[in-house]
Amino acid sequence: MGDDLGRWAEPGLLVLASLADGEKHGYAITTDVAEQVGVTIGPGTLYAALARLEERGLIEGLPADGRRRPYRLTAAGAAELTAQATRMQRLATLSLGRLRPGPA
């Protein structure tokens, strides 16, 4: 994952976060992300992100259930998500701490 500011809403990171609580197919991922984070991922963006994540070994596709193919997080994907979330948490703590007004 990249380190620029635009990466906070990186579709791949949103997919990893969605899959952190269990396997899901594409529609379930988009619904989860929309409900939990308020971000809408279009089908083209979603399936491009799924392909990139699978190619990098961060997720794996499972056998299709009818027309739907579920995906799950791999150990490497969990490690990447943990690293990114920890980094974001440190930045949020730093930022909020610096934005709080000091004693007058």
Protein backbone atom coordinates (compact mmCIF):
# COMPACT_ATOMS: atom_id res chain seq x y z
CA MET A 1 0.00 0.00 0.00
CA GLY A 2 1.18 3.51 -0.68
CA ASP A 3 1.97 6.18 1.84
CA ASP A 4 0.40 9.24 0.18
CA LEU A 5 -2.63 10.98 1.66
CA GLY A 6 -4.99 9.59 -0.95
CA ARG A 7 -4.36 6.05 0.29
CA TRP A 8 -6.57 6.43 3.39
CA ALA A 9 -9.55 5.48 1.22
CA GLU A 10 -7.56 3.01 -0.89
CA PRO A 11 -10.01 0.38 -2.10
CA GLY A 12 -7.55 -2.41 -1.32
CA LEU A 13 -7.27 -1.31 2.30
CA LEU A 14 -11.06 -1.10 2.58
CA VAL A 15 -11.36 -4.64 1.17
CA LEU A 16 -8.78 -5.96 3.64
CA ALA A 17 -10.67 -4.34 6.52
CA SER A 18 -13.95 -5.84 5.32
CA LEU A 19 -12.47 -9.32 5.07
CA ALA A 20 -10.89 -9.08 8.53
CA ASP A 21 -14.03 -10.49 10.14
CA GLY A 22 -14.53 -13.34 7.70
CA GLU A 23 -14.91 -14.36 4.09
CA LYS A 24 -17.23 -12.39 1.82
CA HIS A 25 -18.14 -12.18 -1.85
CA GLY A 26 -17.93 -8.94 -3.82
CA TYR A 27 -21.40 -7.58 -3.12
CA ALA A 28 -21.06 -8.31 0.60
CA ILE A 29 -17.72 -6.45 0.64
CA THR A 30 -19.19 -3.36 -1.01
CA THR A 31 -22.19 -3.41 1.33
CA ASP A 32 -19.97 -3.82 4.41
CA VAL A 33 -17.66 -0.98 3.37
CA ALA A 34 -20.60 1.31 2.62
CA GLU A 35 -22.27 0.57 5.96
CA GLN A 36 -19.15 0.71 8.13
CA VAL A 37 -17.11 3.47 6.49
CA GLY A 38 -19.56 5.32 4.27
CA VAL A 39 -17.49 4.72 1.12
CA THR A 40 -19.07 3.32 -2.04
CA ILE A 41 -16.82 1.08 -4.11
CA GLY A 42 -17.99 0.55 -7.68
CA PRO A 43 -17.80 -2.90 -9.27
CA GLY A 44 -14.86 -2.06 -11.55
CA THR A 45 -12.86 -0.61 -8.69
CA LEU A 46 -13.75 -3.52 -6.40
CA TYR A 47 -12.77 -6.28 -8.82
CA ALA A 48 -9.54 -4.50 -9.79
CA ALA A 49 -8.67 -4.24 -6.07
CA LEU A 50 -9.55 -7.90 -5.50
CA ALA A 51 -7.30 -8.93 -8.41
CA ARG A 52 -4.37 -6.83 -7.09
CA LEU A 53 -4.78 -8.13 -3.54
CA GLU A 54 -5.00 -11.72 -4.71
CA GLU A 55 -1.94 -11.28 -6.94
CA ARG A 56 0.01 -9.95 -3.94
CA GLY A 57 -1.10 -12.86 -1.77
CA LEU A 58 -3.05 -10.65 0.65
CA ILE A 59 -6.36 -12.38 -0.04
CA GLU A 60 -7.38 -15.63 -1.64
CA GLY A 61 -10.40 -16.52 -3.70
CA LEU A 62 -12.39 -19.50 -2.56
CA PRO A 63 -14.45 -21.85 -4.76
CA ALA A 64 -17.47 -20.10 -6.24
CA ASP A 65 -20.85 -20.58 -4.64
CA GLY A 66 -23.09 -20.29 -7.68
CA ARG A 67 -22.29 -16.95 -9.31
CA ARG A 68 -20.62 -15.55 -6.20
CA ARG A 69 -16.98 -16.14 -5.39
CA PRO A 70 -16.02 -15.49 -1.77
CA TYR A 71 -12.62 -14.17 -0.72
CA ARG A 72 -10.75 -14.40 2.55
CA LEU A 73 -7.83 -12.63 4.16
CA THR A 74 -4.49 -14.46 4.19
CA ALA A 75 -1.93 -14.24 6.98
CA ALA A 76 0.03 -11.77 4.83
CA GLY A 77 -3.13 -9.72 4.35
CA ALA A 78 -3.79 -9.64 8.08
CA ALA A 79 -0.21 -8.52 8.70
CA GLU A 80 -0.52 -5.74 6.09
CA LEU A 81 -3.84 -4.58 7.52
CA THR A 82 -2.40 -4.57 11.04
CA ALA A 83 0.61 -2.52 9.92
CA GLN A 84 -1.52 0.01 8.04
CA ALA A 85 -4.11 0.33 10.83
CA THR A 86 -1.39 0.80 13.44
CA ARG A 87 0.23 3.49 11.32
CA MET A 88 -3.11 5.26 10.84
CA GLN A 89 -3.83 5.03 14.57
CA ARG A 90 -0.47 6.63 15.43
CA LEU A 91 -1.11 9.44 12.96
CA ALA A 92 -4.64 10.01 14.29
CA THR A 93 -3.39 10.15 17.88
CA LEU A 94 -0.62 12.57 16.94
CA SER A 95 -2.93 14.77 14.86
CA LEU A 96 -5.73 14.95 17.43
CA GLY A 97 -3.24 15.66 20.19
CA ARG A 98 -1.73 18.55 18.26
CA LEU A 99 -5.12 19.98 17.31
CA ARG A 100 -6.36 20.20 20.91
CA PRO A 101 -6.03 23.69 22.29
CA GLY A 102 -3.47 24.05 25.04
CA PRO A 103 -4.01 25.79 28.36
CA ALA A 104 -4.77 29.50 28.03
